[in-house]
């Protein structure tokens, strides 16, 4: 009787626990080489920068959004309707349409 490995033909991974030997130890279905590549310092730095940018953007948007909402509700001034429309515009136009519109407006054969 020899040792038989239970290997799924689709997953490419066996069901042995990580670190139990073999050529590719598996942890939660991923080989160790995938884990090592994901932990490279440049990728870690990129993830940290992305998280910092997202956090800062969220705080800035919350502050300016609250300020704009306060001004629009509290004060009456000329152009208030236009400012309210400009504030609602990102919610009304989907991202893809905005990207195509900007590409058409500023692209190589644009009217500008």
Protein backbone atom coordinates (compact mmCIF):
# COMPACT_ATOMS: atom_id res chain seq x y z
CA UNK A 1 0.00 0.00 0.00
CA UNK A 2 1.46 3.27 -1.08
CA UNK A 3 0.60 6.78 -0.01
CA UNK A 4 -2.11 8.23 -2.20
CA UNK A 5 -2.65 11.94 -2.38
CA UNK A 6 -6.20 13.22 -2.62
CA UNK A 7 -5.84 15.75 -5.40
CA UNK A 8 -8.67 17.47 -7.17
CA UNK A 9 -8.05 17.73 -10.90
CA UNK A 10 -9.51 21.23 -10.99
CA UNK A 11 -7.97 22.90 -7.95
CA UNK A 12 -4.34 21.85 -8.38
CA UNK A 13 -4.07 21.74 -4.59
CA UNK A 14 -4.16 18.83 -2.22
CA UNK A 15 -6.04 18.63 1.03
CA UNK A 16 -2.99 18.33 3.29
CA UNK A 17 -2.48 21.03 5.89
CA UNK A 18 0.02 23.81 5.23
CA UNK A 19 3.61 22.97 6.08
CA UNK A 20 3.10 19.22 5.88
CA UNK A 21 5.75 18.81 3.20
CA UNK A 22 5.52 18.44 -0.52
CA UNK A 23 6.50 20.83 -3.23
CA UNK A 24 3.80 23.49 -2.68
CA UNK A 25 2.39 23.87 0.83
CA UNK A 26 -1.20 25.07 0.68
CA UNK A 27 -2.83 27.59 3.00
CA UNK A 28 -6.55 28.19 2.45
CA UNK A 29 -6.27 26.99 -1.13
CA UNK A 30 -3.35 29.24 -2.07
CA UNK A 31 0.22 28.20 -2.46
CA UNK A 32 2.97 29.80 -0.42
CA UNK A 33 4.41 31.47 -3.51
CA UNK A 34 1.20 33.49 -3.94
CA UNK A 35 1.37 34.59 -0.31
CA UNK A 36 5.02 35.64 -0.67
CA UNK A 37 4.32 37.66 -3.84
CA UNK A 38 1.44 39.51 -2.16
CA UNK A 39 3.65 40.54 0.76
CA UNK A 40 6.36 42.28 -1.27
CA UNK A 41 7.25 45.69 0.22
CA UNK A 42 6.28 47.70 -2.88
CA UNK A 43 2.82 46.13 -2.96
CA UNK A 44 2.37 46.63 0.77
CA UNK A 45 3.34 50.29 0.35
CA UNK A 46 0.84 50.63 -2.50
CA UNK A 47 -1.95 49.21 -0.36
CA UNK A 48 -1.07 51.56 2.50
CA UNK A 49 -1.02 54.59 0.18
CA UNK A 50 -4.37 53.55 -1.30
CA UNK A 51 -5.93 53.17 2.15
CA UNK A 52 -4.55 56.56 3.23
CA UNK A 53 -5.89 58.24 0.08
CA UNK A 54 -9.32 56.68 0.57
CA UNK A 55 -9.45 57.75 4.20
CA UNK A 56 -8.35 61.32 3.45
CA UNK A 57 -10.81 61.58 0.54
CA UNK A 58 -13.64 60.40 2.74
CA UNK A 59 -12.89 62.98 5.44
CA UNK A 60 -12.55 65.82 2.91
CA UNK A 61 -15.78 64.82 1.12
CA UNK A 62 -17.65 64.62 4.41
CA UNK A 63 -16.47 68.08 5.48
CA UNK A 64 -17.17 69.83 2.20
CA UNK A 65 -20.43 67.96 1.64
CA UNK A 66 -21.71 68.95 5.06
CA UNK A 67 -20.64 72.56 4.49
CA UNK A 68 -22.33 72.66 1.07
CA UNK A 69 -25.53 71.13 2.42
CA UNK A 70 -25.60 73.67 5.26
CA UNK A 71 -25.12 76.59 2.87
CA UNK A 72 -27.76 75.33 0.41
CA UNK A 73 -30.37 74.82 3.12
CA UNK A 74 -29.65 77.87 5.26
CA UNK A 75 -29.03 80.72 2.80
CA UNK A 76 -30.83 82.12 -0.25
CA UNK A 77 -28.50 83.46 -2.96
CA UNK A 78 -28.38 83.77 -6.77
CA UNK A 79 -27.13 80.57 -8.42
CA UNK A 80 -28.31 78.37 -5.56
CA UNK A 81 -30.23 76.08 -7.95
CA UNK A 82 -27.19 75.71 -10.21
CA UNK A 83 -24.96 74.86 -7.25
CA UNK A 84 -27.49 72.29 -6.04
CA UNK A 85 -27.62 70.76 -9.52
CA UNK A 86 -23.82 70.57 -9.70
CA UNK A 87 -23.79 68.85 -6.31
CA UNK A 88 -26.32 66.25 -7.52
CA UNK A 89 -24.67 65.67 -10.89
CA UNK A 90 -22.19 62.96 -9.78
CA UNK A 91 -25.07 60.94 -8.35
CA UNK A 92 -27.20 61.30 -11.48
CA UNK A 93 -24.62 60.45 -14.15
CA UNK A 94 -23.08 56.96 -14.03
CA UNK A 95 -19.31 56.68 -14.01
CA UNK A 96 -19.06 55.05 -17.41
CA UNK A 97 -21.12 57.78 -19.07
CA UNK A 98 -18.94 60.42 -17.41
CA UNK A 99 -15.77 58.72 -18.65
CA UNK A 100 -17.05 58.50 -22.22
CA UNK A 101 -18.24 62.10 -22.08
CA UNK A 102 -14.85 63.33 -20.82
CA UNK A 103 -13.01 61.26 -23.45
CA UNK A 104 -15.20 62.73 -26.18
CA UNK A 105 -14.80 66.24 -24.81
CA UNK A 106 -11.02 66.17 -24.26
CA UNK A 107 -9.99 63.40 -26.70
CA UNK A 108 -7.78 63.80 -29.77
CA UNK A 109 -10.66 64.81 -32.05
CA UNK A 110 -12.49 66.97 -29.50
CA UNK A 111 -14.09 70.32 -30.21
CA UNK A 112 -11.93 71.93 -27.50
